[in-house]
C-alpha atoms as a PDB file:
ATOM      1  CA  MET A   1      32.357 -35.067  -1.674  1.00  0.00           C
ATOM      2  CA  SER A   2      35.174 -32.549  -1.384  1.00  0.00           C
ATOM      3  CA  ASN A   3      38.192 -33.017   0.849  1.00  0.00           C
ATOM      4  CA  GLN A   4      37.972 -31.072   4.102  1.00  0.00           C
ATOM      5  CA  LYS A   5      40.840 -28.797   5.098  1.00  0.00           C
ATOM      6  CA  TYR A   6      41.504 -28.547   8.817  1.00  0.00           C
ATOM      7  CA  PRO A   7      43.773 -26.229  10.776  1.00  0.00           C
ATOM      8  CA  PRO A   8      47.078 -27.714  11.934  1.00  0.00           C
ATOM      9  CA  GLY A   9      46.471 -30.317  14.642  1.00  0.00           C
ATOM     10  CA  TRP A  10      42.809 -30.807  13.729  1.00  0.00           C
ATOM     11  CA  ASP A  11      41.155 -33.714  11.945  1.00  0.00           C
ATOM     12  CA  GLU A  12      37.644 -35.116  11.454  1.00  0.00           C
ATOM     13  CA  HIS A  13      37.761 -36.934  14.798  1.00  0.00           C
ATOM     14  CA  ARG A  14      38.632 -33.778  16.737  1.00  0.00           C
ATOM     15  CA  VAL A  15      35.897 -31.802  14.977  1.00  0.00           C
ATOM     16  CA  GLN A  16      33.341 -34.495  15.874  1.00  0.00           C
ATOM     17  CA  GLU A  17      34.496 -34.434  19.505  1.00  0.00           C
ATOM     18  CA  VAL A  18      33.967 -30.660  19.702  1.00  0.00           C
ATOM     19  CA  ILE A  19      30.532 -30.943  18.092  1.00  0.00           C
ATOM     20  CA  ALA A  20      29.551 -33.705  20.528  1.00  0.00           C
ATOM     21  CA  HIS A  21      30.792 -31.649  23.480  1.00  0.00           C
ATOM     22  CA  TYR A  22      28.568 -28.702  22.661  1.00  0.00           C
ATOM     23  CA  GLU A  23      25.564 -30.754  21.560  1.00  0.00           C
ATOM     24  CA  ASN A  24      25.607 -32.714  24.828  1.00  0.00           C
ATOM     25  CA  GLN A  25      26.155 -29.780  27.175  1.00  0.00           C
ATOM     26  CA  THR A  26      23.448 -28.988  29.674  1.00  0.00           C
ATOM     27  CA  GLU A  27      22.284 -25.398  29.974  1.00  0.00           C
ATOM     28  CA  ASP A  28      24.062 -25.132  33.346  1.00  0.00           C
ATOM     29  CA  GLU A  29      27.322 -26.393  31.808  1.00  0.00           C
ATOM     30  CA  GLU A  30      26.948 -23.901  28.964  1.00  0.00           C
ATOM     31  CA  PHE A  31      26.491 -20.984  31.351  1.00  0.00           C
ATOM     32  CA  ALA A  32      29.395 -22.163  33.524  1.00  0.00           C
ATOM     33  CA  GLU A  33      31.661 -22.253  30.457  1.00  0.00           C
ATOM     34  CA  ILE A  34      30.611 -18.732  29.454  1.00  0.00           C
ATOM     35  CA  GLU A  35      31.149 -17.463  33.005  1.00  0.00           C
ATOM     36  CA  ALA A  36      34.623 -19.037  33.120  1.00  0.00           C
ATOM     37  CA  ALA A  37      35.516 -17.348  29.826  1.00  0.00           C
ATOM     38  CA  LEU A  38      34.363 -13.990  31.153  1.00  0.00           C
ATOM     39  CA  GLN A  39      36.604 -14.364  34.202  1.00  0.00           C
ATOM     40  CA  ALA A  40      39.681 -15.727  32.417  1.00  0.00           C
ATOM     41  CA  GLU A  41      42.833 -13.710  33.029  1.00  0.00           C
ATOM     42  CA  ASN A  42      44.654 -12.124  30.101  1.00  0.00           C
ATOM     43  CA  THR A  43      41.602 -12.559  27.865  1.00  0.00           C
ATOM     44  CA  THR A  44      39.264  -9.941  26.446  1.00  0.00           C
ATOM     45  CA  LEU A  45      35.891 -10.691  24.909  1.00  0.00           C
ATOM     46  CA  MET A  46      34.519  -8.193  22.429  1.00  0.00           C
ATOM     47  CA  ALA A  47      32.014  -7.872  19.645  1.00  0.00           C
ATOM     48  CA  VAL A  48      33.552  -7.610  16.190  1.00  0.00           C
ATOM     49  CA  PRO A  49      31.590  -6.548  13.113  1.00  0.00           C
ATOM     50  CA  THR A  50      31.035  -9.626  10.967  1.00  0.00           C
ATOM     51  CA  GLU A  51      32.812  -8.162   7.956  1.00  0.00           C
ATOM     52  CA  LEU A  52      35.999  -7.747  10.052  1.00  0.00           C
ATOM     53  CA  VAL A  53      36.083 -11.320  11.390  1.00  0.00           C
ATOM     54  CA  PRO A  54      38.334 -12.657   8.579  1.00  0.00           C
ATOM     55  CA  GLU A  55      40.873  -9.896   9.248  1.00  0.00           C
ATOM     56  CA  VAL A  56      40.802 -10.491  13.003  1.00  0.00           C
ATOM     57  CA  ARG A  57      41.291 -14.240  12.463  1.00  0.00           C
ATOM     58  CA  ALA A  58      44.221 -13.568  10.138  1.00  0.00           C
ATOM     59  CA  LEU A  59      45.795 -11.209  12.688  1.00  0.00           C
ATOM     60  CA  LEU A  60      45.438 -13.817  15.439  1.00  0.00           C
ATOM     61  CA  ALA A  61      46.887 -16.529  13.204  1.00  0.00           C
ATOM     62  CA  ARG A  62      49.912 -14.362  12.422  1.00  0.00           C
ATOM     63  CA  LYS A  63      50.403 -13.603  16.120  1.00  0.00           C
ATOM     64  CA  LEU A  64      50.134 -17.274  17.134  1.00  0.00           C
ATOM     65  CA  SER A  65      52.552 -18.451  14.446  1.00  0.00           C
ATOM     66  CA  ALA A  66      55.178 -15.816  15.307  1.00  0.00           C
END
C-alpha cells in the first residue's frame, strides 16, 4: 500500500471523520448544510469546468498561503 499524502493539518483520522460526517447525514441535514452555504456571506458558489479545477485549486492554495 502506498503512503497517503494529506494537506497540512490533515491526517487519516480527520479524513475518516469527514467521511463519517457525510455518510451519516440525514437528507434534511444535507439540505440544511447546502442552504447555509448558499447564504454564507463573502462566499460565491459557481460551476467550474472540470478541466479547470486543478488551476482553481492552485489559485486558492496560493491565495490562502499568502
